[in-house]
C-alpha cells in the first residue's frame, strides 16, 4: 500500500452552489442568505432618540453610583459601630478587674509583678481607645459623673467633684462607666420669710 493511501481516505468536497453554475436556484439561495441593504429613515430616528435619552441614562447612572457609594460608607460605619459596641461590652467586664488591681496597689499588696501587669492592662486599654474620665476637682457633669454623695462647701461656686470613689472610662465618645464622685455644692442662701399681709 502506498504511503498516501494508508489509513486515510481522501474525501472529496464539492460546493453545490458553485457546481450548479449560474442556476437560478443557486442565486436565490445566495440572495436569501444576504440581507438586502435598503436605506430607511427608521434607524436615523432611533439614533436620535438614543442620543436624546443618553443624558437621562447618565444621570441615572450617576445617581446609582452615588447611592452605592453612600451604601458602602453606611455599611462601613455600621460595622465600625458594631465592633466598638462589642469591644465596649468586653471592656466593661474588664473594668472591675482593673479596679481590683488599683485597690491592691493602693494597699501595697502584690509587689512589682502586679504593678507591671496593671500598667500593661492600662496601656492595652488606651491602645483600644479607652480613656479615663477626668473627675477630680472638675465641674460636676451628670453625663459622665455619678454622684455618690453631695455636701455643701463654701469654697465652690458651682457643683464640683471633690473626691473620686470609682474611676470612670470612655471609649471613643461613648461612656463605658461614669465616674462615681462626691459632689461639693455651693451653700444655698436661706430663703427669706415672706410674711403674709
N, C-alpha and C. Protein backbone atom coordinates (compact mmCIF):
# COMPACT_ATOMS: atom_id res chain seq x y z
N UNK A 1 0.84 -1.16 0.00
CA UNK A 1 0.00 0.00 0.00
C UNK A 1 0.89 1.23 0.00
N UNK A 2 0.61 2.16 -0.89
CA UNK A 2 1.41 3.37 -0.89
C UNK A 2 1.13 4.20 0.36
N UNK A 3 2.09 5.09 0.73
CA UNK A 3 2.00 5.90 1.95
C UNK A 3 0.79 6.81 1.96
N UNK A 4 0.42 7.35 0.82
CA UNK A 4 -0.67 8.31 0.82
C UNK A 4 -2.04 7.66 0.96
N UNK A 5 -2.13 6.35 0.84
CA UNK A 5 -3.42 5.69 0.97
C UNK A 5 -3.54 4.92 2.27
N UNK A 6 -2.50 4.90 3.10
CA UNK A 6 -2.52 4.10 4.31
C UNK A 6 -3.37 4.77 5.39
N UNK A 7 -4.45 4.14 5.77
CA UNK A 7 -5.26 4.57 6.89
C UNK A 7 -6.03 5.85 6.67
N UNK A 8 -5.78 6.55 5.64
CA UNK A 8 -6.50 7.80 5.43
C UNK A 8 -7.15 7.76 4.08
N UNK A 9 -8.38 8.03 4.08
CA UNK A 9 -9.11 8.08 2.81
C UNK A 9 -9.30 9.53 2.42
N UNK A 10 -9.23 9.82 1.18
CA UNK A 10 -9.43 11.19 0.73
C UNK A 10 -10.91 11.43 0.57
N UNK A 11 -11.34 12.55 1.08
CA UNK A 11 -12.74 12.91 0.99
C UNK A 11 -12.84 14.05 0.00
N UNK A 12 -13.74 13.88 -0.91
CA UNK A 12 -13.98 14.93 -1.89
C UNK A 12 -15.10 15.80 -1.42
N UNK A 13 -14.88 17.11 -1.42
CA UNK A 13 -15.90 18.06 -1.03
C UNK A 13 -16.19 18.92 -2.24
N UNK A 14 -17.45 19.04 -2.52
CA UNK A 14 -17.83 19.85 -3.67
C UNK A 14 -18.90 20.83 -3.24
N UNK A 15 -18.69 22.10 -3.55
CA UNK A 15 -19.67 23.15 -3.24
C UNK A 15 -20.72 23.11 -4.32
N UNK A 16 -21.93 22.73 -3.93
CA UNK A 16 -23.00 22.57 -4.90
C UNK A 16 -23.43 23.91 -5.48
N UNK A 17 -23.22 24.95 -4.77
CA UNK A 17 -23.61 26.26 -5.31
C UNK A 17 -22.74 26.61 -6.50
N UNK A 18 -21.47 26.30 -6.39
CA UNK A 18 -20.57 26.62 -7.50
C UNK A 18 -20.71 25.59 -8.61
N UNK A 19 -20.98 24.37 -8.23
CA UNK A 19 -21.11 23.31 -9.23
C UNK A 19 -22.33 23.53 -10.09
N UNK A 20 -23.35 24.11 -9.54
CA UNK A 20 -24.58 24.32 -10.30
C UNK A 20 -24.41 25.42 -11.32
N UNK A 21 -23.34 26.18 -11.20
CA UNK A 21 -23.10 27.23 -12.18
C UNK A 21 -23.95 28.44 -11.89
N UNK A 22 -24.59 28.93 -12.88
CA UNK A 22 -25.40 30.13 -12.74
C UNK A 22 -26.87 29.78 -12.65
N UNK A 23 -27.18 28.70 -12.03
CA UNK A 23 -28.59 28.33 -11.95
C UNK A 23 -29.34 29.32 -11.09
N UNK A 24 -30.57 29.49 -11.36
CA UNK A 24 -31.40 30.46 -10.63
C UNK A 24 -31.62 30.01 -9.19
N UNK A 25 -31.66 28.72 -8.94
CA UNK A 25 -31.85 28.22 -7.57
C UNK A 25 -30.65 28.59 -6.71
N UNK A 26 -29.46 28.45 -7.27
CA UNK A 26 -28.26 28.79 -6.52
C UNK A 26 -28.21 30.27 -6.23
N UNK A 27 -28.61 31.07 -7.20
CA UNK A 27 -28.61 32.51 -6.99
C UNK A 27 -29.65 32.91 -5.95
N UNK A 28 -30.78 32.25 -5.96
CA UNK A 28 -31.83 32.56 -4.99
C UNK A 28 -31.38 32.22 -3.58
N UNK A 29 -30.69 31.06 -3.42
CA UNK A 29 -30.25 30.68 -2.08
C UNK A 29 -29.18 31.64 -1.57
N UNK A 30 -28.29 32.08 -2.44
CA UNK A 30 -27.27 33.04 -2.04
C UNK A 30 -27.91 34.37 -1.70
N UNK A 31 -28.90 34.77 -2.49
CA UNK A 31 -29.57 36.05 -2.25
C UNK A 31 -30.36 36.02 -0.95
N UNK A 32 -30.92 34.85 -0.61
CA UNK A 32 -31.70 34.79 0.62
C UNK A 32 -30.81 34.82 1.86
N UNK A 33 -29.55 34.41 1.74
CA UNK A 33 -28.64 34.42 2.88
C UNK A 33 -28.15 35.82 3.21
N UNK A 34 -28.04 36.71 2.24
CA UNK A 34 -27.53 38.05 2.47
C UNK A 34 -28.70 39.02 2.58
N UNK A 35 -28.77 39.79 3.65
CA UNK A 35 -29.87 40.74 3.78
C UNK A 35 -29.68 41.88 2.79
N UNK A 36 -30.78 42.35 2.32
CA UNK A 36 -30.74 43.45 1.36
C UNK A 36 -30.52 44.75 2.12
N UNK A 37 -29.66 45.58 1.58
CA UNK A 37 -29.39 46.87 2.19
C UNK A 37 -30.34 47.88 1.59
N UNK A 38 -31.40 48.15 2.35
CA UNK A 38 -32.40 49.10 1.88
C UNK A 38 -32.30 50.33 2.76
N UNK A 39 -32.05 51.48 2.20
CA UNK A 39 -31.98 52.68 3.03
C UNK A 39 -33.33 52.95 3.67
N UNK A 40 -33.28 53.32 4.94
CA UNK A 40 -34.51 53.56 5.67
C UNK A 40 -34.31 54.74 6.61
N UNK A 41 -35.37 55.42 6.96
CA UNK A 41 -35.31 56.56 7.87
C UNK A 41 -35.41 56.12 9.33
N UNK A 42 -35.91 54.92 9.59
CA UNK A 42 -36.13 54.46 10.95
C UNK A 42 -34.84 54.40 11.78
N UNK A 43 -33.72 53.85 11.28
CA UNK A 43 -32.50 53.83 12.10
C UNK A 43 -32.03 55.22 12.49
N UNK A 44 -32.15 56.18 11.63
CA UNK A 44 -31.73 57.54 11.97
C UNK A 44 -32.58 58.09 13.10
N UNK A 45 -33.87 57.80 13.09
CA UNK A 45 -34.76 58.25 14.15
C UNK A 45 -34.38 57.57 15.46
N UNK A 46 -34.07 56.28 15.42
CA UNK A 46 -33.67 55.55 16.63
C UNK A 46 -32.38 56.12 17.20
N UNK A 47 -31.44 56.46 16.34
CA UNK A 47 -30.18 57.04 16.80
C UNK A 47 -30.43 58.37 17.48
N UNK A 48 -31.27 59.20 16.90
CA UNK A 48 -31.58 60.50 17.50
C UNK A 48 -32.24 60.31 18.87
N UNK A 49 -33.17 59.36 18.97
CA UNK A 49 -33.83 59.10 20.25
C UNK A 49 -32.82 58.62 21.30
N UNK A 50 -31.87 57.79 20.87
CA UNK A 50 -30.85 57.30 21.78
C UNK A 50 -29.96 58.44 22.26
N UNK A 51 -29.58 59.31 21.36
CA UNK A 51 -28.74 60.45 21.74
C UNK A 51 -29.49 61.38 22.68
N UNK A 52 -30.77 61.57 22.45
CA UNK A 52 -31.58 62.42 23.33
C UNK A 52 -31.74 61.77 24.70
N UNK A 53 -31.92 60.46 24.75
CA UNK A 53 -32.14 59.75 26.02
C UNK A 53 -30.84 59.53 26.79
N UNK A 54 -29.69 59.68 26.16
CA UNK A 54 -28.42 59.42 26.80
C UNK A 54 -28.20 60.22 28.08
N UNK A 55 -28.46 61.53 28.13
CA UNK A 55 -28.26 62.25 29.40
C UNK A 55 -29.10 61.68 30.54
N UNK A 56 -30.30 61.21 30.25
CA UNK A 56 -31.12 60.60 31.30
C UNK A 56 -30.44 59.35 31.86
N UNK A 57 -29.88 58.54 30.96
CA UNK A 57 -29.20 57.34 31.42
C UNK A 57 -27.95 57.70 32.23
N UNK A 58 -27.24 58.72 31.79
CA UNK A 58 -26.04 59.13 32.53
C UNK A 58 -26.41 59.67 33.91
N UNK A 59 -27.49 60.44 33.99
CA UNK A 59 -27.94 60.94 35.29
C UNK A 59 -28.34 59.78 36.20
N UNK A 60 -29.06 58.81 35.63
CA UNK A 60 -29.46 57.64 36.41
C UNK A 60 -28.22 56.88 36.89
N UNK A 61 -27.24 56.75 36.01
CA UNK A 61 -26.01 56.04 36.37
C UNK A 61 -25.28 56.78 37.49
N UNK A 62 -25.20 58.09 37.40
CA UNK A 62 -24.53 58.87 38.45
C UNK A 62 -25.26 58.73 39.79
N UNK A 63 -26.59 58.79 39.74
CA UNK A 63 -27.36 58.62 40.98
C UNK A 63 -27.14 57.24 41.57
N UNK A 64 -27.13 56.23 40.71
CA UNK A 64 -26.92 54.86 41.17
C UNK A 64 -25.53 54.71 41.79
N UNK A 65 -24.52 55.30 41.17
CA UNK A 65 -23.17 55.24 41.72
C UNK A 65 -23.10 55.96 43.07
N UNK A 66 -23.75 57.11 43.17
CA UNK A 66 -23.76 57.85 44.44
C UNK A 66 -24.49 57.06 45.52
N UNK A 67 -25.62 56.43 45.16
CA UNK A 67 -26.35 55.61 46.13
C UNK A 67 -25.49 54.45 46.62
N UNK A 68 -24.79 53.81 45.69
CA UNK A 68 -23.95 52.68 46.07
C UNK A 68 -22.79 53.14 46.95
N UNK A 69 -22.20 54.28 46.62
CA UNK A 69 -21.11 54.82 47.43
C UNK A 69 -21.60 55.15 48.85
N UNK A 70 -22.78 55.76 48.95
CA UNK A 70 -23.37 56.05 50.27
C UNK A 70 -23.67 54.77 51.03
N UNK A 71 -24.17 53.76 50.33
CA UNK A 71 -24.46 52.46 50.95
C UNK A 71 -23.17 51.85 51.51
N UNK A 72 -22.11 51.88 50.71
CA UNK A 72 -20.84 51.31 51.14
C UNK A 72 -20.31 52.03 52.38
N UNK A 73 -20.40 53.36 52.41
CA UNK A 73 -19.96 54.13 53.57
C UNK A 73 -20.81 53.83 54.79
N UNK A 74 -22.14 53.70 54.59
CA UNK A 74 -23.03 53.41 55.72
C UNK A 74 -22.73 52.04 56.30
N UNK A 75 -22.49 51.05 55.44
CA UNK A 75 -22.18 49.70 55.92
C UNK A 75 -20.86 49.71 56.70
N UNK A 76 -19.86 50.42 56.19
CA UNK A 76 -18.58 50.50 56.90
C UNK A 76 -18.76 51.18 58.26
N UNK A 77 -19.56 52.25 58.29
CA UNK A 77 -19.82 52.96 59.55
C UNK A 77 -20.58 52.06 60.53
N UNK A 78 -21.56 51.32 60.03
CA UNK A 78 -22.32 50.41 60.89
C UNK A 78 -21.44 49.29 61.44
N UNK A 79 -20.56 48.76 60.59
CA UNK A 79 -19.66 47.71 61.05
C UNK A 79 -18.72 48.23 62.13
N UNK A 80 -18.24 49.47 61.96
CA UNK A 80 -17.37 50.07 62.97
C UNK A 80 -18.13 50.26 64.28
N UNK A 81 -19.38 50.69 64.19
CA UNK A 81 -20.19 50.89 65.40
C UNK A 81 -20.43 49.57 66.12
N UNK A 82 -20.69 48.50 65.37
CA UNK A 82 -20.91 47.18 65.98
C UNK A 82 -19.62 46.71 66.66
N UNK A 83 -18.49 46.90 66.01
CA UNK A 83 -17.22 46.49 66.60
C UNK A 83 -16.92 47.29 67.86
N UNK A 84 -17.21 48.59 67.83
CA UNK A 84 -16.97 49.44 69.00
C UNK A 84 -17.87 49.02 70.16
N UNK A 85 -19.15 48.73 69.87
CA UNK A 85 -20.05 48.28 70.95
C UNK A 85 -19.59 46.95 71.53
N UNK A 86 -19.15 46.04 70.66
CA UNK A 86 -18.70 44.73 71.14
C UNK A 86 -17.45 44.87 72.02
N UNK A 87 -16.50 45.67 71.57
CA UNK A 87 -15.30 45.85 72.39
C UNK A 87 -15.64 46.61 73.67
N UNK A 88 -16.61 47.53 73.60
CA UNK A 88 -17.05 48.25 74.80
C UNK A 88 -17.64 47.32 75.84
N UNK A 89 -18.45 46.35 75.38
CA UNK A 89 -19.03 45.39 76.33
C UNK A 89 -17.95 44.55 76.99
N UNK A 90 -16.95 44.16 76.22
CA UNK A 90 -15.85 43.37 76.78
C UNK A 90 -15.07 44.20 77.80
N UNK A 91 -14.79 45.43 77.44
CA UNK A 91 -14.01 46.30 78.34
C UNK A 91 -14.80 46.59 79.62
N UNK A 92 -16.12 46.75 79.52
CA UNK A 92 -16.94 46.95 80.72
C UNK A 92 -16.78 45.78 81.69
N UNK A 93 -16.62 44.58 81.16
CA UNK A 93 -16.43 43.40 82.02
C UNK A 93 -15.03 43.35 82.63
N UNK A 94 -14.07 44.00 81.97
CA UNK A 94 -12.70 44.01 82.47
C UNK A 94 -12.49 45.09 83.53
N UNK A 95 -13.29 46.15 83.52
CA UNK A 95 -13.09 47.28 84.44
C UNK A 95 -13.08 46.88 85.92
N UNK A 96 -13.94 45.97 86.39
CA UNK A 96 -13.84 45.58 87.81
C UNK A 96 -12.48 44.96 88.16
N UNK A 97 -11.89 44.21 87.23
CA UNK A 97 -10.56 43.65 87.48
C UNK A 97 -9.53 44.77 87.58
N UNK A 98 -9.69 45.80 86.74
CA UNK A 98 -8.80 46.96 86.80
C UNK A 98 -8.94 47.66 88.16
N UNK A 99 -10.20 47.78 88.63
CA UNK A 99 -10.43 48.38 89.96
C UNK A 99 -9.74 47.57 91.06
N UNK A 100 -9.80 46.25 90.94
CA UNK A 100 -9.15 45.39 91.94
C UNK A 100 -7.63 45.55 91.92
N UNK A 101 -7.06 45.68 90.72
CA UNK A 101 -5.62 45.95 90.63
C UNK A 101 -5.28 47.25 91.35
N UNK A 102 -6.07 48.29 91.10
CA UNK A 102 -5.82 49.59 91.73
C UNK A 102 -5.95 49.51 93.25
N UNK A 103 -6.95 48.78 93.73
CA UNK A 103 -7.13 48.63 95.18
C UNK A 103 -5.96 47.87 95.80
N UNK A 104 -5.50 46.82 95.12
CA UNK A 104 -4.37 46.05 95.63
C UNK A 104 -3.11 46.91 95.68
N UNK A 105 -2.89 47.69 94.64
CA UNK A 105 -1.70 48.56 94.61
C UNK A 105 -1.80 49.67 95.64
N UNK A 106 -3.01 50.18 95.90
CA UNK A 106 -3.19 51.25 96.89
C UNK A 106 -2.89 50.75 98.30
N UNK A 107 -3.12 49.47 98.55
CA UNK A 107 -2.87 48.89 99.87
C UNK A 107 -1.47 48.28 99.96
N UNK A 108 -0.67 48.44 98.92
CA UNK A 108 0.70 47.94 98.95
C UNK A 108 0.81 46.45 98.77
N UNK A 109 -0.19 45.83 98.23
CA UNK A 109 -0.17 44.38 98.05
C UNK A 109 0.29 44.04 96.63
N UNK A 110 0.89 42.89 96.48
CA UNK A 110 1.18 42.37 95.15
C UNK A 110 2.59 42.57 94.66
N UNK A 111 3.23 43.62 95.01
CA UNK A 111 4.61 43.84 94.58
C UNK A 111 4.74 44.31 93.14
N UNK A 112 5.97 44.25 92.63
CA UNK A 112 6.25 44.80 91.30
C UNK A 112 5.58 44.02 90.16
N UNK A 113 5.34 42.74 90.35
CA UNK A 113 4.69 41.94 89.30
C UNK A 113 3.27 42.41 89.03
N UNK A 114 2.52 42.66 90.10
CA UNK A 114 1.14 43.14 89.96
C UNK A 114 1.12 44.51 89.31
N UNK A 115 2.05 45.36 89.72
CA UNK A 115 2.11 46.71 89.14
C UNK A 115 2.42 46.65 87.65
N UNK A 116 3.30 45.74 87.26
CA UNK A 116 3.65 45.59 85.85
C UNK A 116 2.45 45.11 85.03
N UNK A 117 1.70 44.15 85.55
CA UNK A 117 0.51 43.66 84.86
C UNK A 117 -0.54 44.77 84.76
N UNK A 118 -0.69 45.54 85.83
CA UNK A 118 -1.64 46.66 85.84
C UNK A 118 -1.29 47.68 84.76
N UNK A 119 -0.01 48.05 84.67
CA UNK A 119 0.42 49.02 83.66
C UNK A 119 0.20 48.48 82.25
N UNK A 120 0.46 47.21 82.06
CA UNK A 120 0.26 46.60 80.74
C UNK A 120 -1.23 46.60 80.37
N UNK A 121 -2.08 46.30 81.33
CA UNK A 121 -3.53 46.31 81.08
C UNK A 121 -4.00 47.72 80.74
N UNK A 122 -3.52 48.72 81.49
CA UNK A 122 -3.89 50.12 81.20
C UNK A 122 -3.42 50.53 79.81
N UNK A 123 -2.20 50.15 79.43
CA UNK A 123 -1.66 50.51 78.11
C UNK A 123 -2.48 49.86 77.00
N UNK A 124 -2.89 48.61 77.20
CA UNK A 124 -3.70 47.92 76.20
C UNK A 124 -5.05 48.60 76.04
N UNK A 125 -5.67 48.98 77.15
CA UNK A 125 -6.96 49.66 77.08
C UNK A 125 -6.83 51.01 76.37
N UNK A 126 -5.75 51.72 76.62
CA UNK A 126 -5.53 53.00 75.95
C UNK A 126 -5.34 52.81 74.44
N UNK A 127 -4.65 51.74 74.05
CA UNK A 127 -4.48 51.43 72.62
C UNK A 127 -5.83 51.18 71.95
N UNK A 128 -6.78 50.64 72.68
CA UNK A 128 -8.11 50.35 72.14
C UNK A 128 -9.01 51.58 72.16
N UNK A 129 -8.51 52.71 72.64
CA UNK A 129 -9.30 53.94 72.63
C UNK A 129 -10.00 54.24 73.93
N UNK A 130 -9.68 53.51 75.00
CA UNK A 130 -10.30 53.74 76.30
C UNK A 130 -9.56 54.87 77.01
N UNK A 131 -10.33 55.85 77.50
CA UNK A 131 -9.75 56.99 78.22
C UNK A 131 -10.43 57.10 79.58
N UNK A 132 -9.66 57.52 80.55
CA UNK A 132 -10.23 57.77 81.87
C UNK A 132 -10.96 59.11 81.84
N UNK A 133 -12.13 59.16 82.47
CA UNK A 133 -12.91 60.40 82.53
C UNK A 133 -12.31 61.28 83.62
N UNK A 134 -11.94 62.51 83.30
CA UNK A 134 -11.43 63.41 84.35
C UNK A 134 -12.51 63.64 85.40
N UNK A 135 -12.17 63.41 86.67
CA UNK A 135 -13.20 63.51 87.70
C UNK A 135 -12.75 64.22 88.97
N UNK A 136 -11.49 64.42 89.15
CA UNK A 136 -11.00 65.05 90.38
C UNK A 136 -10.97 66.56 90.22
N UNK A 137 -11.70 67.26 91.11
CA UNK A 137 -11.73 68.73 91.14
C UNK A 137 -12.13 69.35 89.80
N UNK A 138 -13.13 68.78 89.18
CA UNK A 138 -13.68 69.34 87.94
C UNK A 138 -15.17 69.61 88.15
N UNK A 139 -15.74 70.42 87.29
CA UNK A 139 -17.17 70.72 87.38
C UNK A 139 -17.96 69.43 87.21
N UNK A 140 -18.95 69.24 88.06
CA UNK A 140 -19.77 68.03 88.00
C UNK A 140 -20.58 68.02 86.71
N UNK A 141 -20.46 66.93 85.96
CA UNK A 141 -21.20 66.75 84.71
C UNK A 141 -21.99 65.45 84.83
N UNK A 142 -23.32 65.52 84.93
CA UNK A 142 -24.11 64.30 85.11
C UNK A 142 -24.02 63.33 83.93
N UNK A 143 -23.51 63.78 82.79
CA UNK A 143 -23.35 62.89 81.64
C UNK A 143 -22.20 61.91 81.82
N UNK A 144 -21.20 62.30 82.59
CA UNK A 144 -20.03 61.44 82.77
C UNK A 144 -19.70 61.15 84.23
N UNK A 145 -20.39 61.83 85.15
CA UNK A 145 -20.16 61.61 86.58
C UNK A 145 -21.43 61.08 87.23
N UNK A 146 -21.23 60.22 88.20
CA UNK A 146 -22.35 59.70 89.00
C UNK A 146 -22.13 60.19 90.43
N UNK A 147 -23.10 60.92 90.97
CA UNK A 147 -22.97 61.48 92.32
C UNK A 147 -23.27 60.39 93.34
N UNK A 148 -22.28 60.09 94.17
CA UNK A 148 -22.47 59.13 95.24
C UNK A 148 -23.01 59.84 96.48
N UNK A 149 -22.48 61.03 96.73
CA UNK A 149 -22.92 61.85 97.85
C UNK A 149 -22.70 63.31 97.49
N UNK A 150 -23.38 64.17 98.19
CA UNK A 150 -23.23 65.62 97.96
C UNK A 150 -23.16 66.31 99.31
N UNK A 151 -22.36 67.34 99.37
CA UNK A 151 -22.24 68.13 100.60
C UNK A 151 -22.03 69.59 100.21
N UNK A 152 -22.38 70.46 101.14
CA UNK A 152 -22.23 71.90 100.89
C UNK A 152 -20.80 72.33 101.22
N UNK A 153 -20.29 73.21 100.38
CA UNK A 153 -18.92 73.71 100.57
C UNK A 153 -18.92 75.18 100.17
N UNK A 154 -18.46 76.02 101.09
CA UNK A 154 -18.50 77.46 100.81
C UNK A 154 -17.43 77.91 99.82
N UNK A 155 -16.46 77.05 99.51
CA UNK A 155 -15.38 77.44 98.61
C UNK A 155 -15.71 77.22 97.12
N UNK A 156 -16.89 76.68 96.82
CA UNK A 156 -17.24 76.43 95.41
C UNK A 156 -18.41 77.30 94.99
N UNK A 157 -18.40 77.69 93.72
CA UNK A 157 -19.50 78.49 93.15
C UNK A 157 -20.50 77.64 92.40
N UNK A 158 -20.07 76.46 91.99
CA UNK A 158 -20.93 75.54 91.23
C UNK A 158 -20.61 74.13 91.70
N UNK A 159 -21.45 73.17 91.41
CA UNK A 159 -21.16 71.79 91.85
C UNK A 159 -19.85 71.29 91.25
N UNK A 160 -19.00 70.78 92.12
CA UNK A 160 -17.68 70.28 91.71
C UNK A 160 -17.51 68.87 92.28
N UNK A 161 -16.78 68.04 91.55
CA UNK A 161 -16.47 66.73 92.10
C UNK A 161 -15.29 66.90 93.04
N UNK A 162 -15.50 66.52 94.28
CA UNK A 162 -14.48 66.74 95.30
C UNK A 162 -13.59 65.52 95.49
N UNK A 163 -14.16 64.34 95.35
CA UNK A 163 -13.40 63.12 95.59
C UNK A 163 -13.90 62.03 94.65
N UNK A 164 -12.97 61.27 94.09
CA UNK A 164 -13.33 60.18 93.17
C UNK A 164 -13.40 58.88 93.97
N UNK A 165 -14.56 58.26 93.95
CA UNK A 165 -14.74 56.98 94.64
C UNK A 165 -14.48 55.80 93.70
N UNK A 166 -14.80 55.98 92.43
CA UNK A 166 -14.55 54.94 91.42
C UNK A 166 -14.29 55.65 90.10
N UNK A 167 -13.23 55.27 89.43
CA UNK A 167 -12.88 55.91 88.16
C UNK A 167 -13.90 55.56 87.07
N UNK A 168 -14.09 56.51 86.18
CA UNK A 168 -14.97 56.30 85.04
C UNK A 168 -14.16 56.24 83.76
N UNK A 169 -14.73 55.58 82.74
CA UNK A 169 -14.00 55.39 81.48
C UNK A 169 -14.91 55.62 80.28
N UNK A 170 -14.29 56.06 79.19
CA UNK A 170 -14.97 56.27 77.91
C UNK A 170 -14.21 55.50 76.84
N UNK A 171 -14.93 55.06 75.82
CA UNK A 171 -14.28 54.52 74.62
C UNK A 171 -14.78 55.38 73.47
N UNK A 172 -13.85 56.00 72.80
CA UNK A 172 -14.14 56.99 71.76
C UNK A 172 -15.02 58.07 72.39
N UNK A 173 -16.26 58.23 71.99
CA UNK A 173 -17.12 59.26 72.60
C UNK A 173 -18.24 58.65 73.43
N UNK A 174 -18.15 57.39 73.75
CA UNK A 174 -19.21 56.69 74.49
C UNK A 174 -18.74 56.40 75.91
N UNK A 175 -19.60 56.69 76.88
CA UNK A 175 -19.27 56.42 78.28
C UNK A 175 -19.45 54.93 78.55
N UNK A 176 -18.38 54.30 78.99
CA UNK A 176 -18.46 52.89 79.39
C UNK A 176 -19.00 52.78 80.81
N UNK A 177 -18.45 53.62 81.68
CA UNK A 177 -18.87 53.64 83.07
C UNK A 177 -18.62 55.05 83.59
N UNK A 178 -19.64 55.68 84.18
CA UNK A 178 -19.44 57.03 84.71
C UNK A 178 -18.55 56.98 85.96
N UNK A 179 -17.85 58.07 86.20
CA UNK A 179 -17.02 58.17 87.40
C UNK A 179 -17.92 58.43 88.60
N UNK A 180 -17.72 57.67 89.67
CA UNK A 180 -18.51 57.87 90.89
C UNK A 180 -17.76 58.86 91.77
N UNK A 181 -18.44 59.97 92.10
CA UNK A 181 -17.76 61.07 92.81
C UNK A 181 -18.60 61.59 93.97
N UNK A 182 -17.89 62.26 94.89
CA UNK A 182 -18.55 63.07 95.93
C UNK A 182 -18.65 64.47 95.35
N UNK A 183 -19.81 65.09 95.49
CA UNK A 183 -20.04 66.39 94.88
C UNK A 183 -20.08 67.47 95.96
N UNK A 184 -19.24 68.48 95.76
CA UNK A 184 -19.27 69.67 96.63
C UNK A 184 -20.13 70.70 95.93
N UNK A 185 -21.16 71.16 96.63
CA UNK A 185 -22.06 72.15 96.02
C UNK A 185 -22.03 73.44 96.84
N UNK A 186 -22.37 74.55 96.21
CA UNK A 186 -22.36 75.81 96.95
C UNK A 186 -23.43 75.83 98.04
N UNK A 187 -23.16 76.61 99.06
CA UNK A 187 -24.12 76.73 100.16
C UNK A 187 -25.32 77.51 99.65
N UNK A 188 -26.46 76.95 99.91
CA UNK A 188 -27.69 77.61 99.47
C UNK A 188 -28.03 78.73 100.44
N UNK A 189 -28.39 79.88 99.89
CA UNK A 189 -28.81 81.00 100.74
C UNK A 189 -30.18 80.69 101.29
N UNK A 190 -30.38 80.98 102.57
CA UNK A 190 -31.71 80.71 103.13
C UNK A 190 -32.74 81.61 102.46
N UNK A 191 -33.87 81.03 102.22
CA UNK A 191 -34.94 81.81 101.59
C UNK A 191 -35.54 82.76 102.62
N UNK A 192 -35.73 84.02 102.24
CA UNK A 192 -36.31 84.97 103.20
C UNK A 192 -37.76 84.60 103.49
N UNK A 193 -38.11 84.78 104.75
CA UNK A 193 -39.51 84.53 105.14
C UNK A 193 -40.33 85.72 104.68
N UNK A 194 -41.33 85.44 103.96
CA UNK A 194 -42.23 86.49 103.49
C UNK A 194 -43.49 86.41 104.33
N UNK A 195 -43.70 87.47 105.09
CA UNK A 195 -44.88 87.49 105.95
C UNK A 195 -46.10 87.80 105.11
N UNK A 196 -47.10 87.05 105.39
CA UNK A 196 -48.34 87.30 104.66
C UNK A 196 -49.01 88.52 105.26
N UNK A 197 -49.48 89.38 104.45
CA UNK A 197 -50.03 90.61 104.97
C UNK A 197 -51.44 90.80 104.81
